[in-house]
Protein backbone atom coordinates (compact mmCIF):
# COMPACT_ATOMS: atom_id res chain seq x y z
CA UNK A 1 0.59 -10.15 19.15
CA UNK A 2 -2.57 -8.78 17.48
CA UNK A 3 -1.70 -6.25 14.80
CA UNK A 4 -3.26 -3.92 12.28
CA UNK A 5 -1.40 -3.51 9.00
CA UNK A 6 -0.87 -0.09 7.45
CA UNK A 7 -2.40 -0.83 4.04
CA UNK A 8 -1.54 1.40 1.09
CA UNK A 9 -3.29 -0.87 -1.45
CA UNK A 10 0.15 -1.51 -2.97
CA UNK A 11 2.59 -4.37 -3.26
CA UNK A 12 4.77 -3.67 -0.20
CA UNK A 13 1.91 -3.69 2.30
CA UNK A 14 0.40 -6.73 0.57
CA UNK A 15 3.68 -8.60 0.75
CA UNK A 16 4.11 -7.56 4.38
CA UNK A 17 0.75 -9.24 5.06
CA UNK A 18 1.97 -12.37 3.30
CA UNK A 19 5.18 -12.45 5.35
CA UNK A 20 3.37 -11.85 8.65
CA UNK A 21 0.91 -14.62 7.96
CA UNK A 22 3.67 -16.96 6.84
CA UNK A 23 5.79 -16.38 9.95
CA UNK A 24 2.86 -16.79 12.34
CA UNK A 25 4.58 -14.56 14.91
CA UNK A 26 1.79 -11.95 14.83
CA UNK A 27 -1.91 -12.13 14.06
CA UNK A 28 -3.03 -9.48 11.56
CA UNK A 29 -6.61 -8.60 12.48
CA UNK A 30 -7.26 -5.48 10.40
CA UNK A 31 -6.10 -3.09 7.69
CA UNK A 32 -5.50 0.62 8.37
CA UNK A 33 -5.74 2.99 5.40
CA UNK A 34 -5.90 6.76 4.90
CA UNK A 35 -8.43 7.96 2.34
CA UNK A 36 -8.79 11.39 0.77
CA UNK A 37 -12.48 12.02 1.43
CA UNK A 38 -12.74 14.76 -1.19
CA UNK A 39 -11.91 12.31 -3.99
CA UNK A 40 -12.68 9.03 -2.15
CA UNK A 41 -9.30 7.61 -3.03
CA UNK A 42 -6.36 6.11 -1.18
CA UNK A 43 -3.82 8.82 -0.40
CA UNK A 44 -0.94 9.01 -2.95
CA UNK A 45 -1.82 5.74 -4.73
CA UNK A 46 -5.07 7.40 -5.92
CA UNK A 47 -6.90 4.07 -5.82
CA UNK A 48 -10.68 4.25 -5.68
CA UNK A 49 -12.23 3.42 -2.32
CA UNK A 50 -14.36 0.67 -3.84
CA UNK A 51 -11.25 -1.16 -5.02
CA UNK A 52 -9.76 -0.76 -1.56
CA UNK A 53 -12.87 -2.37 -0.09
CA UNK A 54 -12.66 -5.22 -2.58
CA UNK A 55 -9.04 -5.80 -1.55
CA UNK A 56 -10.05 -6.04 2.11
CA UNK A 57 -12.71 -8.59 1.20
CA UNK A 58 -10.19 -10.56 -0.84
CA UNK A 59 -7.67 -10.80 2.03
CA UNK A 60 -10.44 -11.46 4.55
CA UNK A 61 -9.72 -8.60 6.94
CA UNK A 62 -11.79 -5.67 8.25
CA UNK A 63 -10.87 -2.28 6.85
CA UNK A 64 -10.29 0.68 9.17
CA UNK A 65 -10.37 3.91 7.16
CA UNK A 66 -8.86 7.18 8.41
CA UNK A 67 -10.66 9.96 6.51
CA UNK A 68 -8.39 12.84 5.52
CA UNK A 69 -9.47 16.24 4.20
CA UNK A 70 -7.83 17.74 1.12
CA UNK A 71 -5.55 19.51 1.56
CA UNK A 72 -4.54 17.92 4.85
CA UNK A 73 -2.14 19.81 7.16
CA UNK A 74 0.32 17.54 8.95
CA UNK A 75 -1.16 18.42 12.34
CA UNK A 76 -4.58 17.25 11.19
CA UNK A 77 -3.11 14.07 9.78
CA UNK A 78 -1.35 13.28 13.05
CA UNK A 79 -4.47 14.00 15.09
CA UNK A 80 -6.56 11.62 13.00
CA UNK A 81 -3.92 8.92 13.11
CA UNK A 82 -3.75 9.30 16.89
CA UNK A 83 -7.51 8.66 17.01
CA UNK A 84 -6.97 5.53 14.93
CA UNK A 85 -4.30 4.33 17.35
CA UNK A 86 -6.70 4.83 20.25
CA UNK A 87 -9.32 2.80 18.38
CA UNK A 88 -6.77 0.07 17.72
CA UNK A 89 -5.87 -0.25 21.39
CA UNK A 90 -9.57 -0.36 22.29
CA UNK A 91 -9.88 -3.27 19.85
CA UNK A 92 -7.13 -5.16 21.66
CA UNK A 93 -4.50 -4.43 19.05
CA UNK A 94 -0.91 -4.39 20.26
CA UNK A 95 1.06 -3.50 17.12
CA UNK A 96 0.92 -1.69 13.79
CA UNK A 97 2.84 -3.24 10.90
CA UNK A 98 4.30 -1.30 7.97
CA UNK A 99 5.65 -2.32 4.56
CA UNK A 100 8.61 0.08 4.67
CA UNK A 101 11.86 -1.18 3.19
CA UNK A 102 14.82 1.11 3.90
CA UNK A 103 13.95 4.80 4.40
CA UNK A 104 15.32 5.54 7.87
CA UNK A 105 13.52 8.86 8.26
CA UNK A 106 10.14 7.25 7.52
CA UNK A 107 10.76 4.45 10.01
CA UNK A 108 11.93 6.90 12.67
CA UNK A 109 8.80 9.02 12.17
CA UNK A 110 6.53 6.01 12.59
CA UNK A 111 8.36 4.89 15.70
CA UNK A 112 8.15 8.37 17.21
CA UNK A 113 4.41 8.67 16.50
CA UNK A 114 3.67 5.28 18.08
CA UNK A 115 5.81 5.91 21.16
CA UNK A 116 3.58 5.99 24.22
CA UNK A 117 0.49 4.64 22.41
CA UNK A 118 0.92 1.08 23.61
CA UNK A 119 1.36 -0.03 19.99
CA UNK A 120 4.56 -1.68 18.80
CA UNK A 121 5.74 -0.80 15.26
CA UNK A 122 6.55 -3.83 13.10
CA UNK A 123 8.61 -3.78 9.88
CA UNK A 124 8.53 -7.30 8.41
CA UNK A 125 10.24 -6.31 5.13
CA UNK A 126 12.84 -3.96 6.56
CA UNK A 127 16.34 -4.18 5.10
CA UNK A 128 15.52 -6.59 2.29
CA UNK A 129 17.42 -6.20 -0.96
CA UNK A 130 14.75 -4.53 -3.08
CA UNK A 131 15.92 -6.02 -6.39
CA UNK A 132 15.62 -9.54 -4.96
CA UNK A 133 12.40 -8.68 -3.13
CA UNK A 134 10.71 -7.35 -6.27
CA UNK A 135 11.56 -10.54 -8.15
CA UNK A 136 10.39 -12.68 -5.22
CA UNK A 137 7.05 -10.88 -5.21
CA UNK A 138 6.48 -11.61 -8.90
CA UNK A 139 7.68 -15.20 -8.59
CA UNK A 140 5.46 -15.63 -5.52
CA UNK A 141 2.34 -14.79 -7.50
CA UNK A 142 1.80 -11.14 -6.58
CA UNK A 143 0.00 -9.25 -9.34
CA UNK A 144 -0.09 -5.46 -9.33
CA UNK A 145 -0.50 -2.48 -11.64
CA UNK A 146 1.34 0.85 -11.47
CA UNK A 147 -1.25 3.50 -10.58
CA UNK A 148 1.06 6.44 -9.95
CA UNK A 149 4.37 7.44 -11.53
CA UNK A 150 6.63 10.35 -10.61
CA UNK A 151 7.79 11.50 -14.06
CA UNK A 152 10.85 13.27 -12.65
CA UNK A 153 12.17 9.82 -11.71
CA UNK A 154 10.43 7.43 -14.12
CA UNK A 155 8.98 7.86 -17.61
CA UNK A 156 5.24 8.48 -17.65
CA UNK A 157 4.74 5.52 -20.00
CA UNK A 158 5.16 3.19 -17.03
CA UNK A 159 1.83 4.32 -15.55
CA UNK A 160 -0.73 1.56 -15.98
CA UNK A 161 1.84 -1.17 -16.61
CA UNK A 162 1.74 -4.49 -14.79
CA UNK A 163 4.40 -5.05 -12.13
CA UNK A 164 6.17 -8.07 -13.62
CA UNK A 165 9.60 -9.25 -14.71
CA UNK A 166 9.34 -7.36 -18.00
CA UNK A 167 8.72 -4.12 -16.13
CA UNK A 168 11.58 -4.79 -13.72
CA UNK A 169 13.89 -5.47 -16.67
CA UNK A 170 12.85 -2.13 -18.23
CA UNK A 171 13.40 0.04 -15.15
CA UNK A 172 16.34 2.46 -15.38
CA UNK A 173 19.22 1.69 -13.00
CA UNK A 174 18.42 4.88 -11.05
CA UNK A 175 14.94 3.63 -10.11
CA UNK A 176 14.49 1.42 -7.07
CA UNK A 177 12.88 -1.89 -8.16
CA UNK A 178 10.25 -1.51 -5.44
CA UNK A 179 9.76 2.22 -6.00
CA UNK A 180 10.76 2.91 -2.41
CA UNK A 181 12.00 6.42 -3.25
CA UNK A 182 8.57 7.40 -4.55
CA UNK A 183 9.25 6.61 -8.20
CA UNK A 184 5.99 4.67 -8.52
CA UNK A 185 3.06 3.25 -6.55
CA UNK A 186 0.96 0.18 -7.23
CA UNK A 187 -2.40 -1.48 -6.73
CA UNK A 188 -2.33 -5.20 -5.93
CA UNK A 189 -5.14 -7.24 -7.43
CA UNK A 190 -3.97 -10.79 -6.77
CA UNK A 191 -1.40 -12.76 -4.84
CA UNK A 192 -0.86 -15.41 -2.17
CA UNK A 193 -2.44 -13.13 0.43
CA UNK A 194 -5.73 -13.00 -1.55
CA UNK A 195 -8.52 -15.57 -1.45
CA UNK A 196 -9.55 -14.52 -4.96
CA UNK A 197 -8.39 -11.86 -7.46
CA UNK A 198 -9.87 -8.36 -7.56
CA UNK A 199 -11.22 -7.88 -11.08
CA UNK A 200 -10.18 -4.52 -12.53
CA UNK A 201 -10.28 -2.63 -15.79
CA UNK A 202 -8.22 0.31 -17.00
CA UNK A 203 -9.52 3.84 -16.77
CA UNK A 204 -8.02 7.08 -18.09
CA UNK A 205 -4.46 8.21 -17.40
CA UNK A 206 -4.09 11.80 -16.19
CA UNK A 207 -1.31 14.12 -15.05
CA UNK A 208 -2.00 16.01 -11.85
CA UNK A 209 0.11 17.76 -9.19
CA UNK A 210 3.35 16.63 -10.82
CA UNK A 211 2.41 12.93 -10.99
CA UNK A 212 0.95 10.65 -13.65
CA UNK A 213 -2.03 8.59 -12.46
CA UNK A 214 -3.42 5.52 -14.23
CA UNK A 215 -6.97 5.14 -12.97
CA UNK A 216 -8.34 1.66 -12.26
CA UNK A 217 -11.99 0.70 -11.99
CA UNK A 218 -13.80 -2.40 -10.77
CA UNK A 219 -14.35 -4.61 -13.80
CA UNK A 220 -17.87 -4.55 -15.18
CA UNK A 221 -19.61 -7.94 -15.51
CA UNK A 222 -19.30 -7.82 -19.30
CA UNK A 223 -15.51 -7.30 -19.15
CA UNK A 224 -14.79 -10.28 -16.91
């Protein structure tokens, strides 16, 4: 079954790609990402579009961008995603895969939106123990940086930190190890799903709209 993968630029979607490729049950033929066109960044993760493009090159898949205005009413979001689904079917795609882990309401929403489109929703990571999964990601070679932290759930000092065993050891017990409840979001820059790492360098950290964002930039030639 030919599939597009809903690509957030973070660890869960990257690991979903790894699992889909490893199982061989479905052929991932593209990445689907929503981008805030006002700021040219991935929605919520706040990753620059150029880094998103470098990720797509690194995993060897075409990138299908859904441009979203800011602010974006839900009706507009759903209309633009419906257009993307139509484009996917025209491209011979039969499924959309997601990196969701355990939020039933999110899964139900995705299933409802894809009903009648001819696209099957896939959830290759669904139901995994997130503590074990987070450790497996690190042990498996995934490398990521926290780009967004929700300070109501996790201390702002975690923004910009590398997603590794030291970070997992430091997380409070109330925080999901994969950040599935929105505690944090990541940018993946290397892993078994990449042909080569994405070179990055740290930018400024800012607080905006109730979240703390650690900006990342493509590494300059002199910093590599």
